[in-house]
Amino acid sequence: MDFDLNDEQRQLKDSVERLLAASYGDLNKRMGYMKEPKGYSTALWKQYADLGLLAVPFSEEHGGLGSTWLANNRADLLHGYQAAIAFDRKGTSSIITHQGSRTCSDAFAMSLSTKLGGTYSCDDTGTFTDTASYEHLIGECTNVSVGYLNNHGPNETLDMLHVVELRDYLVKFDPAGLTYSRTPGDTEEDSWEEYNAKQYPRLWSNKYEAESFDEALIELCHDHPASAAKLIEMLGGNASDMLEQIQQDGSPVSYYSG
């Protein structure tokens, strides 16, 4: 296992070290923070947020915390917007119309495709990205392909030609002419969370409690073994690793043809 820091991690480390040295190197400064009304420096806390430090404990797969909080607590900030577009979809040709339920009209997706070069098409196989949190507040909530494949693993790739082309279209993007057809809250099926709550109640009854994730993961692997095997392989595992883990856990092995 490689414990060396990558370039991004080194940059973050250097930024944090500079901030802490400047802000906490002096004992009088630290004592002064304790005397502030909240017992700490709100200005420094904002700097931590700006650096992204508050999100460090949460993996990318647990995304949506910020958007869900915003939708539930500050919906007023979202009033007046007709569309929410995330750029976080795999591949190079998808404009997502469904994130569990319909969150974006086909008409909007195709008008957006025209603005982005016309090579995108409607894709109803989306799962969850942040814009799904706003589907009851904003009419058109979608996610656009940005060129990555094999995400969250050592074999992840990014089509840089696609990224550059998408960038060029976005730089000159003009929203005039986009077609807005969906009304906020209109769905064709259960919402994404309602669907998953029915499918995997042990996970979604306590969505963010760690102890509920093991049973939910077992349930997901049981229902989707091919996807589970693909994910293990993407993360660098193989059948021999799996067998070794099973033996360590003391579970019986019914068959193995490695």
Protein backbone atom coordinates (compact mmCIF):
# COMPACT_ATOMS: atom_id res chain seq x y z
CA MET A 1 0.00 0.00 0.00
CA ASP A 2 1.37 3.42 -0.98
CA PHE A 3 1.27 5.95 1.88
CA ASP A 4 3.11 8.69 -0.01
CA LEU A 5 1.16 11.91 -0.48
CA ASN A 6 0.14 12.88 -3.99
CA ASP A 7 0.56 16.44 -5.29
CA GLU A 8 -2.92 17.51 -4.21
CA GLN A 9 -2.45 16.11 -0.71
CA ARG A 10 0.94 17.81 -0.36
CA GLN A 11 -0.58 21.14 -1.38
CA LEU A 12 -3.32 20.72 1.22
CA LYS A 13 -0.75 19.75 3.86
CA ASP A 14 1.38 22.81 3.08
CA SER A 15 -1.66 25.11 3.18
CA VAL A 16 -2.78 23.79 6.56
CA GLU A 17 0.72 24.02 8.01
CA ARG A 18 1.00 27.66 6.93
CA LEU A 19 -2.41 28.50 8.34
CA LEU A 20 -1.72 26.83 11.70
CA ALA A 21 1.74 28.37 11.99
CA ALA A 22 0.37 31.85 11.36
CA SER A 23 -2.72 31.45 13.54
CA TYR A 24 -1.65 29.23 16.44
CA GLY A 25 2.10 29.79 16.75
CA ASP A 26 1.57 32.55 19.30
CA LEU A 27 0.14 31.50 22.67
CA ASN A 28 -1.46 34.93 23.17
CA LYS A 29 -3.37 34.45 19.91
CA ARG A 30 -4.68 31.06 21.05
CA MET A 31 -5.78 32.51 24.37
CA GLY A 32 -7.49 35.34 22.50
CA TYR A 33 -9.55 32.89 20.43
CA MET A 34 -10.86 31.32 23.64
CA LYS A 35 -12.14 34.72 24.79
CA GLU A 36 -14.23 35.25 21.66
CA PRO A 37 -18.04 34.95 22.09
CA LYS A 38 -18.18 31.38 20.76
CA GLY A 39 -14.98 30.26 22.42
CA TYR A 40 -13.13 29.95 19.12
CA SER A 41 -12.27 32.09 16.09
CA THR A 42 -15.15 32.18 13.61
CA ALA A 43 -12.84 33.84 11.08
CA LEU A 44 -10.43 30.91 11.26
CA TRP A 45 -13.30 28.44 11.05
CA LYS A 46 -14.34 30.10 7.79
CA GLN A 47 -10.80 29.69 6.48
CA TYR A 48 -10.97 25.97 7.33
CA ALA A 49 -14.19 25.76 5.33
CA ASP A 50 -12.67 27.66 2.40
CA LEU A 51 -9.78 25.18 2.32
CA GLY A 52 -12.24 22.27 2.28
CA LEU A 53 -11.04 20.92 5.62
CA LEU A 54 -14.56 20.47 7.00
CA ALA A 55 -15.31 17.94 4.26
CA VAL A 56 -12.13 15.88 4.76
CA PRO A 57 -13.80 13.29 7.09
CA PHE A 58 -16.41 12.47 4.45
CA SER A 59 -15.63 10.35 1.41
CA GLU A 60 -16.87 11.29 -2.05
CA GLU A 61 -19.33 8.39 -1.95
CA HIS A 62 -21.14 10.09 0.95
CA GLY A 63 -21.79 13.20 -1.08
CA GLY A 64 -24.97 15.26 -0.87
CA LEU A 65 -24.63 16.35 2.75
CA GLY A 66 -24.18 20.01 1.83
CA SER A 67 -26.87 20.14 -0.84
CA THR A 68 -29.37 18.31 1.37
CA TRP A 69 -28.70 20.72 4.25
CA LEU A 70 -29.09 23.69 1.91
CA ALA A 71 -32.40 22.42 0.52
CA ASN A 72 -33.76 21.70 4.00
CA ASN A 73 -32.49 24.80 5.81
CA ARG A 74 -31.93 27.60 3.30
CA ALA A 75 -34.34 26.91 0.46
CA ASP A 76 -34.77 30.67 0.12
CA LEU A 77 -31.33 30.83 -1.52
CA LEU A 78 -32.59 28.58 -4.33
CA HIS A 79 -35.75 30.51 -5.17
CA GLY A 80 -35.88 31.90 -8.69
CA TYR A 81 -33.55 29.37 -10.28
CA GLN A 82 -34.93 27.40 -13.20
CA ALA A 83 -32.15 24.84 -13.51
CA ALA A 84 -29.42 23.16 -11.44
CA ILE A 85 -26.71 21.50 -13.50
CA ALA A 86 -24.03 19.28 -11.99
CA PHE A 87 -20.95 18.30 -13.99
CA ASP A 88 -20.22 14.96 -12.37
CA ARG A 89 -21.46 12.20 -14.71
CA LYS A 90 -19.29 9.44 -16.13
CA GLY A 91 -18.80 9.03 -19.86
CA THR A 92 -18.99 11.66 -22.56
CA SER A 93 -22.58 11.64 -23.82
CA SER A 94 -25.11 11.74 -20.95
CA ILE A 95 -27.42 14.43 -19.73
CA ILE A 96 -29.27 12.85 -16.82
CA THR A 97 -33.06 13.08 -16.78
CA HIS A 98 -33.74 10.74 -13.86
CA GLN A 99 -32.06 10.48 -10.47
CA GLY A 100 -34.27 7.69 -9.17
CA SER A 101 -37.28 9.72 -10.27
CA ARG A 102 -37.49 12.26 -13.07
CA THR A 103 -35.61 15.41 -12.17
CA CYS A 104 -35.12 16.90 -15.63
CA SER A 105 -37.32 17.07 -18.71
CA ASP A 106 -36.21 15.60 -22.02
CA ALA A 107 -36.88 18.96 -23.63
CA PHE A 108 -34.44 20.73 -21.31
CA ALA A 109 -31.83 17.99 -21.71
CA MET A 110 -31.91 18.20 -25.49
CA SER A 111 -31.83 22.01 -25.51
CA LEU A 112 -28.82 21.84 -23.18
CA SER A 113 -27.17 19.29 -25.47
CA THR A 114 -27.50 21.74 -28.35
CA LYS A 115 -25.69 24.38 -26.29
CA LEU A 116 -22.90 21.89 -25.55
CA GLY A 117 -22.25 20.80 -29.12
CA GLY A 118 -25.15 18.44 -29.72
CA THR A 119 -23.30 15.22 -28.88
CA TYR A 120 -25.20 14.50 -25.66
CA SER A 121 -28.42 12.53 -25.28
CA CYS A 122 -31.02 11.95 -22.57
CA ASP A 123 -29.97 9.39 -19.97
CA ASP A 124 -32.53 8.04 -17.48
CA THR A 125 -30.08 5.83 -15.57
CA GLY A 126 -28.78 8.44 -13.14
CA THR A 127 -28.49 7.75 -9.41
CA PHE A 128 -27.82 10.60 -7.00
CA THR A 129 -25.84 13.76 -7.38
CA ASP A 130 -26.26 17.04 -5.50
CA THR A 131 -28.84 18.49 -7.87
CA ALA A 132 -31.28 15.72 -6.88
CA SER A 133 -31.58 17.45 -3.50
CA TYR A 134 -33.19 20.42 -5.26
CA GLU A 135 -35.74 18.60 -7.46
CA HIS A 136 -38.68 19.86 -5.35
CA LEU A 137 -37.39 23.45 -5.50
CA ILE A 138 -35.93 23.76 -9.01
CA GLY A 139 -37.63 22.47 -12.15
CA GLU A 140 -34.68 21.18 -14.17
CA CYS A 141 -32.09 19.27 -12.11
CA THR A 142 -29.54 17.32 -14.10
CA ASN A 143 -26.00 15.96 -14.32
CA VAL A 144 -23.72 16.15 -17.35
CA SER A 145 -20.96 13.77 -18.48
CA VAL A 146 -17.46 15.10 -17.91
CA GLY A 147 -15.41 12.26 -19.40
CA TYR A 148 -14.34 10.01 -16.53
CA LEU A 149 -14.62 6.20 -16.42
CA ASN A 150 -13.93 3.55 -13.76
CA ASN A 151 -14.42 6.09 -11.01
CA HIS A 152 -13.32 5.71 -7.36
CA GLY A 153 -10.58 3.22 -8.16
CA PRO A 154 -6.99 2.88 -9.36
CA ASN A 155 -8.13 2.45 -12.96
CA GLU A 156 -10.05 5.74 -13.14
CA THR A 157 -9.42 7.66 -16.36
CA LEU A 158 -10.39 11.07 -17.67
CA ASP A 159 -10.90 11.98 -21.32
CA MET A 160 -9.07 15.31 -21.42
CA LEU A 161 -10.12 16.04 -25.00
CA HIS A 162 -13.73 15.87 -23.84
CA VAL A 163 -12.97 18.09 -20.82
CA VAL A 164 -11.34 20.76 -22.99
CA GLU A 165 -14.19 20.70 -25.49
CA LEU A 166 -16.77 20.96 -22.70
CA ARG A 167 -14.82 23.83 -21.15
CA ASP A 168 -14.83 25.73 -24.43
CA TYR A 169 -18.61 25.40 -24.77
CA LEU A 170 -19.15 26.50 -21.16
CA VAL A 171 -16.95 29.58 -21.53
CA LYS A 172 -19.24 30.89 -24.25
CA PHE A 173 -22.44 29.39 -22.78
CA ASP A 174 -25.62 31.42 -23.31
CA PRO A 175 -28.74 30.13 -21.49
CA ALA A 176 -31.07 31.92 -23.90
CA GLY A 177 -33.10 29.36 -25.78
CA LEU A 178 -33.05 26.62 -23.15
CA THR A 179 -36.42 24.88 -22.76
CA TYR A 180 -37.78 24.66 -19.21
CA SER A 181 -40.62 22.11 -19.03
CA ARG A 182 -40.52 20.36 -15.66
CA THR A 183 -42.33 21.81 -12.64
CA PRO A 184 -40.47 21.50 -9.31
CA GLY A 185 -41.60 18.38 -7.48
CA ASP A 186 -43.01 16.59 -10.53
CA THR A 187 -41.87 12.95 -10.50
CA GLU A 188 -42.76 9.84 -12.45
CA GLU A 189 -41.73 7.40 -9.71
CA ASP A 190 -40.75 7.53 -6.06
CA SER A 191 -38.02 9.98 -5.25
CA TRP A 192 -34.46 8.65 -5.16
CA GLU A 193 -34.39 8.39 -1.37
CA GLU A 194 -37.89 6.90 -1.18
CA TYR A 195 -36.93 4.26 -3.74
CA ASN A 196 -33.77 3.29 -1.85
CA ALA A 197 -35.58 3.39 1.50
CA LYS A 198 -37.94 0.71 0.17
CA GLN A 199 -35.15 -1.35 -1.39
CA TYR A 200 -32.65 -1.07 1.49
CA PRO A 201 -34.48 0.04 4.64
CA ARG A 202 -31.63 -0.79 7.00
CA LEU A 203 -29.37 1.68 5.24
CA TRP A 204 -31.84 4.50 4.79
CA SER A 205 -33.57 4.33 8.18
CA ASN A 206 -30.38 5.79 9.71
CA LYS A 207 -28.70 7.13 6.64
CA TYR A 208 -25.49 8.39 8.18
CA GLU A 209 -25.01 6.00 11.11
CA ALA A 210 -21.96 3.88 10.44
CA GLU A 211 -23.31 0.78 12.15
CA SER A 212 -26.14 0.51 9.60
CA PHE A 213 -23.82 0.45 6.58
CA ASP A 214 -22.44 -3.08 7.02
CA GLU A 215 -25.83 -4.77 6.77
CA ALA A 216 -26.85 -2.51 3.89
CA LEU A 217 -23.62 -3.31 2.04
CA ILE A 218 -24.21 -7.05 2.47
CA GLU A 219 -27.72 -6.56 1.15
CA LEU A 220 -26.47 -4.61 -1.87
CA CYS A 221 -23.78 -7.20 -2.66
CA HIS A 222 -26.36 -9.98 -2.42
CA ASP A 223 -28.70 -8.20 -4.82
CA HIS A 224 -25.99 -7.02 -7.24
CA PRO A 225 -23.06 -9.49 -7.12
CA ALA A 226 -21.65 -8.53 -10.52
CA SER A 227 -21.48 -4.85 -9.52
CA ALA A 228 -19.85 -5.81 -6.22
CA ALA A 229 -17.20 -7.89 -8.01
CA LYS A 230 -16.53 -5.08 -10.47
CA LEU A 231 -16.07 -2.56 -7.64
CA ILE A 232 -13.66 -4.87 -5.78
CA GLU A 233 -11.60 -5.30 -8.94
CA MET A 234 -11.60 -1.54 -9.62
CA LEU A 235 -10.25 -0.97 -6.11
CA GLY A 236 -7.37 -3.36 -6.76
CA GLY A 237 -8.79 -6.54 -5.21
CA ASN A 238 -9.14 -9.99 -6.75
CA ALA A 239 -10.57 -13.42 -6.01
CA SER A 240 -7.53 -14.48 -4.00
CA ASP A 241 -7.86 -11.41 -1.77
CA MET A 242 -11.54 -12.17 -1.31
CA LEU A 243 -10.84 -15.78 -0.36
CA GLU A 244 -8.20 -14.69 2.14
CA GLN A 245 -10.64 -12.23 3.75
CA ILE A 246 -13.36 -14.87 3.94
CA GLN A 247 -10.96 -17.26 5.66
CA GLN A 248 -9.86 -14.55 8.09
CA ASP A 249 -13.49 -13.91 8.96
CA GLY A 250 -13.99 -17.61 9.62
CA SER A 251 -16.80 -17.90 7.09
CA PRO A 252 -17.36 -21.21 5.29
CA VAL A 253 -16.29 -21.29 1.64
CA SER A 254 -18.84 -23.21 -0.42
CA TYR A 255 -16.79 -23.14 -3.62
CA TYR A 256 -13.82 -21.43 -5.16
CA SER A 257 -12.44 -21.89 -8.64
CA GLY A 258 -9.50 -19.49 -8.56
